């Protein structure tokens, strides 16, 4: 017993409720999640800045010459870059019609 009349069992129980080993595990997990988010943020920032390298006149905007109006709208509204442009070719736009026949 301590000076307040608490037994060793009640003191240990109080430590676990206030934190103890369980709290240490939570802190480690919290820092791990923060670390993963930080790494992901840095990665995505570097990836986004590499898109700026595809500009033609250095104004920070992509060269949309040769894009269809639908592709331009998708880029402006959703940030979607057409697959043919992302792969390096800015040639003729993709066919908008149905492929195949009877």
PDB file of N, CA and C in Angstrom:
ATOM      1  N   UNK A   1       0.828  -1.189   0.000  1.00  0.00           N
ATOM      2  CA  UNK A   1       0.000   0.000   0.000  1.00  0.00           C
ATOM      3  C   UNK A   1       0.872   1.252   0.000  1.00  0.00           C
ATOM      4  N   UNK A   2       0.339   2.303  -0.607  1.00  0.00           N
ATOM      5  CA  UNK A   2       1.055   3.572  -0.556  1.00  0.00           C
ATOM      6  C   UNK A   2       0.427   4.452   0.524  1.00  0.00           C
ATOM      7  N   UNK A   3       0.861   5.698   0.583  1.00  0.00           N
ATOM      8  CA  UNK A   3       0.402   6.598   1.636  1.00  0.00           C
ATOM      9  C   UNK A   3      -1.091   6.924   1.543  1.00  0.00           C
ATOM     10  N   UNK A   4      -1.690   6.745   0.365  1.00  0.00           N
ATOM     11  CA  UNK A   4      -3.106   7.075   0.179  1.00  0.00           C
ATOM     12  C   UNK A   4      -4.005   5.864   0.349  1.00  0.00           C
ATOM     13  N   UNK A   5      -3.434   4.694   0.647  1.00  0.00           N
ATOM     14  CA  UNK A   5      -4.225   3.495   0.853  1.00  0.00           C
ATOM     15  C   UNK A   5      -4.445   2.680  -0.409  1.00  0.00           C
ATOM     16  N   UNK A   6      -3.753   3.026  -1.495  1.00  0.00           N
ATOM     17  CA  UNK A   6      -3.881   2.274  -2.745  1.00  0.00           C
ATOM     18  C   UNK A   6      -2.964   1.060  -2.720  1.00  0.00           C
ATOM     19  N   UNK A   7      -3.461  -0.055  -3.252  1.00  0.00           N
ATOM     20  CA  UNK A   7      -2.637  -1.254  -3.337  1.00  0.00           C
ATOM     21  C   UNK A   7      -1.823  -1.221  -4.625  1.00  0.00           C
ATOM     22  N   UNK A   8      -0.861  -2.126  -4.743  1.00  0.00           N
ATOM     23  CA  UNK A   8      -0.045  -2.196  -5.956  1.00  0.00           C
ATOM     24  C   UNK A   8      -0.903  -2.495  -7.178  1.00  0.00           C
ATOM     25  N   UNK A   9      -1.918  -3.345  -6.991  1.00  0.00           N
ATOM     26  CA  UNK A   9      -2.797  -3.695  -8.113  1.00  0.00           C
ATOM     27  C   UNK A   9      -3.553  -2.466  -8.616  1.00  0.00           C
ATOM     28  N   UNK A  10      -4.072  -1.672  -7.714  1.00  0.00           N
ATOM     29  CA  UNK A  10      -4.829  -0.485  -8.137  1.00  0.00           C
ATOM     30  C   UNK A  10      -3.908   0.553  -8.776  1.00  0.00           C
ATOM     31  N   UNK A  11      -2.666   0.641  -8.304  1.00  0.00           N
ATOM     32  CA  UNK A  11      -1.705   1.574  -8.903  1.00  0.00           C
ATOM     33  C   UNK A  11      -1.376   1.144 -10.327  1.00  0.00           C
ATOM     34  N   UNK A  12      -1.135  -0.155 -10.547  1.00  0.00           N
ATOM     35  CA  UNK A  12      -0.842  -0.662 -11.891  1.00  0.00           C
ATOM     36  C   UNK A  12      -2.039  -0.475 -12.821  1.00  0.00           C
ATOM     37  N   UNK A  13      -3.228  -0.727 -12.268  1.00  0.00           N
ATOM     38  CA  UNK A  13      -4.433  -0.541 -13.075  1.00  0.00           C
ATOM     39  C   UNK A  13      -4.589   0.912 -13.486  1.00  0.00           C
ATOM     40  N   UNK A  14      -4.300   1.822 -12.589  1.00  0.00           N
ATOM     41  CA  UNK A  14      -4.396   3.251 -12.878  1.00  0.00           C
ATOM     42  C   UNK A  14      -3.382   3.664 -13.939  1.00  0.00           C
ATOM     43  N   UNK A  15      -2.183   3.101 -13.890  1.00  0.00           N
ATOM     44  CA  UNK A  15      -1.166   3.405 -14.896  1.00  0.00           C
ATOM     45  C   UNK A  15      -1.640   2.968 -16.287  1.00  0.00           C
ATOM     46  N   UNK A  16      -2.249   1.777 -16.372  1.00  0.00           N
ATOM     47  CA  UNK A  16      -2.723   1.285 -17.659  1.00  0.00           C
ATOM     48  C   UNK A  16      -3.847   2.150 -18.191  1.00  0.00           C
ATOM     49  N   UNK A  17      -4.725   2.607 -17.306  1.00  0.00           N
ATOM     50  CA  UNK A  17      -5.837   3.460 -17.738  1.00  0.00           C
ATOM     51  C   UNK A  17      -5.305   4.791 -18.239  1.00  0.00           C
ATOM     52  N   UNK A  18      -4.324   5.358 -17.588  1.00  0.00           N
ATOM     53  CA  UNK A  18      -3.774   6.656 -17.978  1.00  0.00           C
ATOM     54  C   UNK A  18      -2.858   6.567 -19.185  1.00  0.00           C
ATOM     55  N   UNK A  19      -2.421   5.405 -19.525  1.00  0.00           N
ATOM     56  CA  UNK A  19      -1.517   5.300 -20.670  1.00  0.00           C
ATOM     57  C   UNK A  19      -0.697   4.040 -20.574  1.00  0.00           C
ATOM     58  N   UNK A  20       0.463   4.141 -19.991  1.00  0.00           N
ATOM     59  CA  UNK A  20       1.336   2.988 -19.845  1.00  0.00           C
ATOM     60  C   UNK A  20       1.791   2.451 -21.184  1.00  0.00           C
ATOM     61  N   UNK A  21       1.956   1.126 -21.287  1.00  0.00           N
ATOM     62  CA  UNK A  21       2.424   0.471 -22.518  1.00  0.00           C
ATOM     63  C   UNK A  21       1.438   0.664 -23.660  1.00  0.00           C
ATOM     64  N   UNK A  22       0.145   0.648 -23.356  1.00  0.00           N
ATOM     65  CA  UNK A  22      -0.874   0.819 -24.396  1.00  0.00           C
ATOM     66  C   UNK A  22      -0.733   2.177 -25.063  1.00  0.00           C
ATOM     67  N   UNK A  23      -0.464   3.194 -24.304  1.00  0.00           N
ATOM     68  CA  UNK A  23      -0.311   4.542 -24.846  1.00  0.00           C
ATOM     69  C   UNK A  23       0.961   4.649 -25.688  1.00  0.00           C
ATOM     70  N   UNK A  24       2.017   3.955 -25.292  1.00  0.00           N
ATOM     71  CA  UNK A  24       3.258   3.973 -26.070  1.00  0.00           C
ATOM     72  C   UNK A  24       3.029   3.391 -27.459  1.00  0.00           C
ATOM     73  N   UNK A  25       2.251   2.317 -27.545  1.00  0.00           N
ATOM     74  CA  UNK A  25       1.941   1.703 -28.832  1.00  0.00           C
ATOM     75  C   UNK A  25       1.138   2.668 -29.700  1.00  0.00           C
ATOM     76  N   UNK A  26       0.188   3.359 -29.104  1.00  0.00           N
ATOM     77  CA  UNK A  26      -0.597   4.337 -29.853  1.00  0.00           C
ATOM     78  C   UNK A  26       0.290   5.449 -30.390  1.00  0.00           C
ATOM     79  N   UNK A  27       1.228   5.922 -29.586  1.00  0.00           N
ATOM     80  CA  UNK A  27       2.129   6.986 -30.032  1.00  0.00           C
ATOM     81  C   UNK A  27       3.001   6.525 -31.195  1.00  0.00           C
ATOM     82  N   UNK A  28       3.492   5.303 -31.132  1.00  0.00           N
ATOM     83  CA  UNK A  28       4.327   4.770 -32.207  1.00  0.00           C
ATOM     84  C   UNK A  28       3.514   4.673 -33.496  1.00  0.00           C
ATOM     85  N   UNK A  29       2.283   4.178 -33.384  1.00  0.00           N
ATOM     86  CA  UNK A  29       1.425   4.059 -34.567  1.00  0.00           C
ATOM     87  C   UNK A  29       1.096   5.441 -35.135  1.00  0.00           C
ATOM     88  N   UNK A  30       0.840   6.405 -34.270  1.00  0.00           N
ATOM     89  CA  UNK A  30       0.531   7.758 -34.723  1.00  0.00           C
ATOM     90  C   UNK A  30       1.702   8.352 -35.491  1.00  0.00           C
ATOM     91  N   UNK A  31       2.907   8.211 -34.974  1.00  0.00           N
ATOM     92  CA  UNK A  31       4.088   8.740 -35.658  1.00  0.00           C
ATOM     93  C   UNK A  31       4.354   7.998 -36.967  1.00  0.00           C
ATOM     94  N   UNK A  32       4.048   6.703 -36.997  1.00  0.00           N
ATOM     95  CA  UNK A  32       4.219   5.942 -38.238  1.00  0.00           C
ATOM     96  C   UNK A  32       3.258   6.452 -39.320  1.00  0.00           C
ATOM     97  N   UNK A  33       2.016   6.703 -38.943  1.00  0.00           N
ATOM     98  CA  UNK A  33       1.035   7.221 -39.905  1.00  0.00           C
ATOM     99  C   UNK A  33       1.446   8.608 -40.385  1.00  0.00           C
ATOM    100  N   UNK A  34       1.906   9.454 -39.476  1.00  0.00           N
ATOM    101  CA  UNK A  34       2.365  10.793 -39.859  1.00  0.00           C
ATOM    102  C   UNK A  34       3.546  10.691 -40.824  1.00  0.00           C
ATOM    103  N   UNK A  35       4.457   9.772 -40.565  1.00  0.00           N
ATOM    104  CA  UNK A  35       5.605   9.577 -41.450  1.00  0.00           C
ATOM    105  C   UNK A  35       5.193   9.131 -42.839  1.00  0.00           C
ATOM    106  N   UNK A  36       4.257   8.193 -42.918  1.00  0.00           N
ATOM    107  CA  UNK A  36       3.778   7.706 -44.215  1.00  0.00           C
ATOM    108  C   UNK A  36       3.098   8.840 -44.979  1.00  0.00           C
ATOM    109  N   UNK A  37       2.280   9.626 -44.302  1.00  0.00           N
ATOM    110  CA  UNK A  37       1.615  10.751 -44.959  1.00  0.00           C
ATOM    111  C   UNK A  37       2.625  11.789 -45.453  1.00  0.00           C
ATOM    112  N   UNK A  38       3.667  12.028 -44.689  1.00  0.00           N
ATOM    113  CA  UNK A  38       4.696  12.976 -45.093  1.00  0.00           C
ATOM    114  C   UNK A  38       5.431  12.488 -46.339  1.00  0.00           C
ATOM    115  N   UNK A  39       5.785  11.218 -46.360  1.00  0.00           N
ATOM    116  CA  UNK A  39       6.469  10.653 -47.530  1.00  0.00           C
ATOM    117  C   UNK A  39       5.559  10.713 -48.757  1.00  0.00           C
ATOM    118  N   UNK A  40       4.277  10.383 -48.584  1.00  0.00           N
ATOM    119  CA  UNK A  40       3.336  10.432 -49.705  1.00  0.00           C
ATOM    120  C   UNK A  40       3.183  11.861 -50.226  1.00  0.00           C
ATOM    121  N   UNK A  41       3.132  12.823 -49.321  1.00  0.00           N
ATOM    122  CA  UNK A  41       3.009  14.223 -49.730  1.00  0.00           C
ATOM    123  C   UNK A  41       4.223  14.674 -50.530  1.00  0.00           C
ATOM    124  N   UNK A  42       5.397  14.317 -50.069  1.00  0.00           N
ATOM    125  CA  UNK A  42       6.628  14.691 -50.785  1.00  0.00           C
ATOM    126  C   UNK A  42       6.649  14.031 -52.162  1.00  0.00           C
ATOM    127  N   UNK A  43       6.281  12.752 -52.227  1.00  0.00           N
ATOM    128  CA  UNK A  43       6.267  12.036 -53.507  1.00  0.00           C
ATOM    129  C   UNK A  43       5.309  12.697 -54.489  1.00  0.00           C
ATOM    130  N   UNK A  44       4.096  12.991 -54.040  1.00  0.00           N
ATOM    131  CA  UNK A  44       3.108  13.585 -54.940  1.00  0.00           C
ATOM    132  C   UNK A  44       3.500  15.000 -55.356  1.00  0.00           C
ATOM    133  N   UNK A  45       4.162  15.729 -54.485  1.00  0.00           N
ATOM    134  CA  UNK A  45       4.625  17.067 -54.836  1.00  0.00           C
ATOM    135  C   UNK A  45       5.678  16.994 -55.937  1.00  0.00           C
ATOM    136  N   UNK A  46       6.609  16.073 -55.799  1.00  0.00           N
ATOM    137  CA  UNK A  46       7.646  15.906 -56.828  1.00  0.00           C
ATOM    138  C   UNK A  46       7.015  15.448 -58.133  1.00  0.00           C
ATOM    139  N   UNK A  47       6.051  14.529 -58.062  1.00  0.00           N
ATOM    140  CA  UNK A  47       5.374  14.035 -59.260  1.00  0.00           C
ATOM    141  C   UNK A  47       4.614  15.170 -59.954  1.00  0.00           C
ATOM    142  N   UNK A  48       3.934  16.001 -59.187  1.00  0.00           N
ATOM    143  CA  UNK A  48       3.179  17.116 -59.765  1.00  0.00           C
ATOM    144  C   UNK A  48       4.105  18.152 -60.391  1.00  0.00           C
ATOM    145  N   UNK A  49       5.254  18.375 -59.770  1.00  0.00           N
ATOM    146  CA  UNK A  49       6.170  19.365 -60.340  1.00  0.00           C
ATOM    147  C   UNK A  49       6.785  18.864 -61.649  1.00  0.00           C
ATOM    148  N   UNK A  50       6.873  17.552 -61.811  1.00  0.00           N
ATOM    149  CA  UNK A  50       7.404  17.019 -63.069  1.00  0.00           C
ATOM    150  C   UNK A  50       6.414  17.233 -64.212  1.00  0.00           C
ATOM    151  N   UNK A  51       5.124  17.371 -63.911  1.00  0.00           N
ATOM    152  CA  UNK A  51       4.148  17.667 -64.960  1.00  0.00           C
ATOM    153  C   UNK A  51       4.386  19.049 -65.539  1.00  0.00           C
ATOM    154  N   UNK A  52       4.864  19.975 -64.717  1.00  0.00           N
ATOM    155  CA  UNK A  52       5.152  21.320 -65.181  1.00  0.00           C
ATOM    156  C   UNK A  52       6.257  21.351 -66.218  1.00  0.00           C
ATOM    157  N   UNK A  53       7.075  20.317 -66.279  1.00  0.00           N
ATOM    158  CA  UNK A  53       8.162  20.265 -67.247  1.00  0.00           C
ATOM    159  C   UNK A  53       7.650  20.023 -68.659  1.00  0.00           C
ATOM    160  N   UNK A  54       6.382  19.673 -68.805  1.00  0.00           N
ATOM    161  CA  UNK A  54       5.823  19.385 -70.117  1.00  0.00           C
ATOM    162  C   UNK A  54       5.240  20.627 -70.779  1.00  0.00           C
ATOM    163  N   UNK A  55       5.495  21.792 -70.246  1.00  0.00           N
ATOM    164  CA  UNK A  55       4.942  23.008 -70.831  1.00  0.00           C
ATOM    165  C   UNK A  55       5.758  23.432 -72.037  1.00  0.00           C
ATOM    166  N   UNK A  56       5.106  24.142 -72.935  1.00  0.00           N
ATOM    167  CA  UNK A  56       5.806  24.548 -74.152  1.00  0.00           C
ATOM    168  C   UNK A  56       6.418  25.937 -74.018  1.00  0.00           C
ATOM    169  N   UNK A  57       5.748  26.835 -73.310  1.00  0.00           N
ATOM    170  CA  UNK A  57       6.240  28.208 -73.238  1.00  0.00           C
ATOM    171  C   UNK A  57       6.692  28.617 -71.841  1.00  0.00           C
ATOM    172  N   UNK A  58       6.724  27.681 -70.913  1.00  0.00           N
ATOM    173  CA  UNK A  58       7.230  27.975 -69.575  1.00  0.00           C
ATOM    174  C   UNK A  58       6.260  28.748 -68.688  1.00  0.00           C
ATOM    175  N   UNK A  59       4.991  28.838 -69.073  1.00  0.00           N
ATOM    176  CA  UNK A  59       4.031  29.578 -68.258  1.00  0.00           C
ATOM    177  C   UNK A  59       3.367  28.708 -67.198  1.00  0.00           C
ATOM    178  N   UNK A  60       3.732  27.447 -67.108  1.00  0.00           N
ATOM    179  CA  UNK A  60       3.180  26.557 -66.103  1.00  0.00           C
ATOM    180  C   UNK A  60       1.932  25.816 -66.546  1.00  0.00           C
ATOM    181  N   UNK A  61       1.499  26.013 -67.771  1.00  0.00           N
ATOM    182  CA  UNK A  61       0.317  25.323 -68.284  1.00  0.00           C
ATOM    183  C   UNK A  61       0.737  24.330 -69.358  1.00  0.00           C
ATOM    184  N   UNK A  62      -0.004  23.235 -69.448  1.00  0.00           N
ATOM    185  CA  UNK A  62       0.286  22.239 -70.470  1.00  0.00           C
ATOM    186  C   UNK A  62      -0.076  22.760 -71.852  1.00  0.00           C
ATOM    187  N   UNK A  63       0.649  22.283 -72.834  1.00  0.00           N
ATOM    188  CA  UNK A  63       0.350  22.624 -74.225  1.00  0.00           C
ATOM    189  C   UNK A  63      -0.805  21.749 -74.683  1.00  0.00           C
ATOM    190  N   UNK A  64      -1.960  22.357 -74.881  1.00  0.00           N
ATOM    191  CA  UNK A  64      -3.152  21.602 -75.270  1.00  0.00           C
ATOM    192  C   UNK A  64      -3.403  21.654 -76.774  1.00  0.00           C
ATOM    193  N   UNK A  65      -2.412  22.036 -77.543  1.00  0.00           N
ATOM    194  CA  UNK A  65      -2.547  22.070 -78.998  1.00  0.00           C
ATOM    195  C   UNK A  65      -2.809  20.656 -79.500  1.00  0.00           C
ATOM    196  N   UNK A  66      -3.850  20.501 -80.287  1.00  0.00           N
ATOM    197  CA  UNK A  66      -4.180  19.195 -80.832  1.00  0.00           C
ATOM    198  C   UNK A  66      -5.143  18.404 -79.968  1.00  0.00           C
ATOM    199  N   UNK A  67      -5.527  18.927 -78.815  1.00  0.00           N
ATOM    200  CA  UNK A  67      -6.480  18.240 -77.959  1.00  0.00           C
ATOM    201  C   UNK A  67      -7.892  18.560 -78.433  1.00  0.00           C
ATOM    202  N   UNK A  68      -8.785  17.610 -78.241  1.00  0.00           N
ATOM    203  CA  UNK A  68     -10.190  17.884 -78.552  1.00  0.00           C
ATOM    204  C   UNK A  68     -10.768  18.768 -77.453  1.00  0.00           C
ATOM    205  N   UNK A  69     -11.906  19.391 -77.738  1.00  0.00           N
ATOM    206  CA  UNK A  69     -12.534  20.249 -76.726  1.00  0.00           C
ATOM    207  C   UNK A  69     -12.945  19.433 -75.499  1.00  0.00           C
ATOM    208  N   UNK A  70     -13.305  18.189 -75.693  1.00  0.00           N
ATOM    209  CA  UNK A  70     -13.675  17.317 -74.578  1.00  0.00           C
ATOM    210  C   UNK A  70     -12.460  17.019 -73.700  1.00  0.00           C
ATOM    211  N   UNK A  71     -11.300  16.778 -74.320  1.00  0.00           N
ATOM    212  CA  UNK A  71     -10.077  16.523 -73.554  1.00  0.00           C
ATOM    213  C   UNK A  71      -9.665  17.761 -72.766  1.00  0.00           C
ATOM    214  N   UNK A  72      -9.799  18.934 -73.376  1.00  0.00           N
ATOM    215  CA  UNK A  72      -9.458  20.187 -72.684  1.00  0.00           C
ATOM    216  C   UNK A  72     -10.387  20.387 -71.499  1.00  0.00           C
ATOM    217  N   UNK A  73     -11.682  20.144 -71.682  1.00  0.00           N
ATOM    218  CA  UNK A  73     -12.640  20.293 -70.600  1.00  0.00           C
ATOM    219  C   UNK A  73     -12.334  19.319 -69.467  1.00  0.00           C
ATOM    220  N   UNK A  74     -12.022  18.060 -69.795  1.00  0.00           N
ATOM    221  CA  UNK A  74     -11.682  17.082 -68.759  1.00  0.00           C
ATOM    222  C   UNK A  74     -10.434  17.491 -67.996  1.00  0.00           C
ATOM    223  N   UNK A  75      -9.457  18.063 -68.696  1.00  0.00           N
ATOM    224  CA  UNK A  75      -8.238  18.521 -68.024  1.00  0.00           C
ATOM    225  C   UNK A  75      -8.531  19.699 -67.101  1.00  0.00           C
ATOM    226  N   UNK A  76      -9.298  20.667 -67.599  1.00  0.00           N
ATOM    227  CA  UNK A  76      -9.594  21.853 -66.798  1.00  0.00           C
ATOM    228  C   UNK A  76     -10.473  21.535 -65.597  1.00  0.00           C
ATOM    229  N   UNK A  77     -11.452  20.655 -65.766  1.00  0.00           N
ATOM    230  CA  UNK A  77     -12.408  20.373 -64.699  1.00  0.00           C
ATOM    231  C   UNK A  77     -11.932  19.289 -63.733  1.00  0.00           C
ATOM    232  N   UNK A  78     -11.219  18.297 -64.251  1.00  0.00           N
ATOM    233  CA  UNK A  78     -10.877  17.134 -63.440  1.00  0.00           C
ATOM    234  C   UNK A  78      -9.374  16.881 -63.325  1.00  0.00           C
ATOM    235  N   UNK A  79      -8.579  17.603 -64.081  1.00  0.00           N
ATOM    236  CA  UNK A  79      -7.136  17.383 -64.055  1.00  0.00           C
ATOM    237  C   UNK A  79      -6.713  16.129 -64.802  1.00  0.00           C
ATOM    238  N   UNK A  80      -7.597  15.601 -65.628  1.00  0.00           N
ATOM    239  CA  UNK A  80      -7.314  14.378 -66.367  1.00  0.00           C
ATOM    240  C   UNK A  80      -6.526  14.701 -67.627  1.00  0.00           C
ATOM    241  N   UNK A  81      -5.362  14.085 -67.760  1.00  0.00           N
ATOM    242  CA  UNK A  81      -4.536  14.259 -68.946  1.00  0.00           C
ATOM    243  C   UNK A  81      -4.764  13.054 -69.846  1.00  0.00           C
ATOM    244  N   UNK A  82      -5.047  13.271 -71.127  1.00  0.00           N
ATOM    245  CA  UNK A  82      -5.288  12.134 -72.029  1.00  0.00           C
ATOM    246  C   UNK A  82      -4.097  11.175 -72.035  1.00  0.00           C
ATOM    247  N   UNK A  83      -4.391   9.896 -72.125  1.00  0.00           N
ATOM    248  CA  UNK A  83      -3.356   8.867 -72.063  1.00  0.00           C
ATOM    249  C   UNK A  83      -2.318   9.037 -73.161  1.00  0.00           C
ATOM    250  N   UNK A  84      -2.737   9.438 -74.333  1.00  0.00           N
ATOM    251  CA  UNK A  84      -1.784   9.590 -75.443  1.00  0.00           C
ATOM    252  C   UNK A  84      -0.810  10.729 -75.174  1.00  0.00           C
ATOM    253  N   UNK A  85      -1.234  11.748 -74.426  1.00  0.00           N
ATOM    254  CA  UNK A  85      -0.356  12.870 -74.087  1.00  0.00           C
ATOM    255  C   UNK A  85       0.571  12.475 -72.950  1.00  0.00           C
ATOM    256  N   UNK A  86       0.026  11.784 -71.961  1.00  0.00           N
ATOM    257  CA  UNK A  86       0.818  11.361 -70.805  1.00  0.00           C
ATOM    258  C   UNK A  86       1.923  10.392 -71.209  1.00  0.00           C
ATOM    259  N   UNK A  87       1.689   9.619 -72.285  1.00  0.00           N
ATOM    260  CA  UNK A  87       2.697   8.666 -72.725  1.00  0.00           C
ATOM    261  C   UNK A  87       3.749   9.306 -73.625  1.00  0.00           C
ATOM    262  N   UNK A  88       3.568  10.584 -73.941  1.00  0.00           N
ATOM    263  CA  UNK A  88       4.599  11.282 -74.694  1.00  0.00           C
ATOM    264  C   UNK A  88       4.178  11.725 -76.077  1.00  0.00           C
ATOM    265  N   UNK A  89       3.117  11.176 -76.625  1.00  0.00           N
ATOM    266  CA  UNK A  89       2.704  11.561 -77.969  1.00  0.00           C
ATOM    267  C   UNK A  89       1.579  12.574 -77.920  1.00  0.00           C
ATOM    268  N   UNK A  90       1.685  13.632 -78.674  1.00  0.00           N
ATOM    269  CA  UNK A  90       0.615  14.629 -78.736  1.00  0.00           C
ATOM    270  C   UNK A  90       0.095  14.675 -80.164  1.00  0.00           C
ATOM    271  N   UNK A  91      -0.098  13.476 -80.733  1.00  0.00           N
ATOM    272  CA  UNK A  91      -0.517  13.390 -82.129  1.00  0.00           C
ATOM    273  C   UNK A  91      -2.028  13.512 -82.243  1.00  0.00           C
ATOM    274  N   UNK A  92      -2.590  12.904 -83.248  1.00  0.00           N
ATOM    275  CA  UNK A  92      -4.024  13.031 -83.534  1.00  0.00           C
ATOM    276  C   UNK A  92      -4.862  12.602 -82.342  1.00  0.00           C
ATOM    277  N   UNK A  93      -5.992  13.292 -82.150  1.00  0.00           N
ATOM    278  CA  UNK A  93      -6.855  12.916 -81.034  1.00  0.00           C
ATOM    279  C   UNK A  93      -7.453  11.527 -81.194  1.00  0.00           C
ATOM    280  N   UNK A  94      -7.830  10.933 -80.075  1.00  0.00           N
ATOM    281  CA  UNK A  94      -8.426   9.605 -80.117  1.00  0.00           C
ATOM    282  C   UNK A  94      -9.777   9.651 -80.784  1.00  0.00           C
ATOM    283  N   UNK A  95     -10.160   8.546 -81.410  1.00  0.00           N
ATOM    284  CA  UNK A  95     -11.434   8.465 -82.095  1.00  0.00           C
ATOM    285  C   UNK A  95     -12.571   8.527 -81.091  1.00  0.00           C
ATOM    286  N   UNK A  96     -13.586   9.340 -81.407  1.00  0.00           N
ATOM    287  CA  UNK A  96     -14.719   9.454 -80.505  1.00  0.00           C
ATOM    288  C   UNK A  96     -15.860   8.547 -80.890  1.00  0.00           C
ATOM    289  N   UNK A  97     -15.789   7.920 -82.059  1.00  0.00           N
ATOM    290  CA  UNK A  97     -16.877   7.076 -82.535  1.00  0.00           C
ATOM    291  C   UNK A  97     -16.742   5.652 -82.044  1.00  0.00           C
ATOM    292  N   UNK A  98     -17.749   4.858 -82.397  1.00  0.00           N
ATOM    293  CA  UNK A  98     -17.722   3.461 -82.015  1.00  0.00           C
ATOM    294  C   UNK A  98     -16.819   2.693 -82.970  1.00  0.00           C
ATOM    295  N   UNK A  99     -16.161   1.704 -82.430  1.00  0.00           N
ATOM    296  CA  UNK A  99     -15.251   0.899 -83.227  1.00  0.00           C
ATOM    297  C   UNK A  99     -15.943  -0.425 -83.544  1.00  0.00           C
ATOM    298  N   UNK A 100     -15.723  -0.911 -84.726  1.00  0.00           N
ATOM    299  CA  UNK A 100     -16.289  -2.208 -85.098  1.00  0.00           C
ATOM    300  C   UNK A 100     -17.516  -2.054 -85.972  1.00  0.00           C
ATOM    301  N   UNK A 101     -18.030  -3.131 -86.393  1.00  0.00           N
ATOM    302  CA  UNK A 101     -19.205  -3.107 -87.252  1.00  0.00           C
ATOM    303  C   UNK A 101     -19.855  -4.487 -87.290  1.00  0.00           C
ATOM    304  N   UNK A 102     -20.804  -4.639 -88.215  1.00  0.00           N
ATOM    305  CA  UNK A 102     -21.533  -5.894 -88.302  1.00  0.00           C
ATOM    306  C   UNK A 102     -20.791  -6.932 -89.068  1.00  0.00           C
TER     307      UNK A 102
END
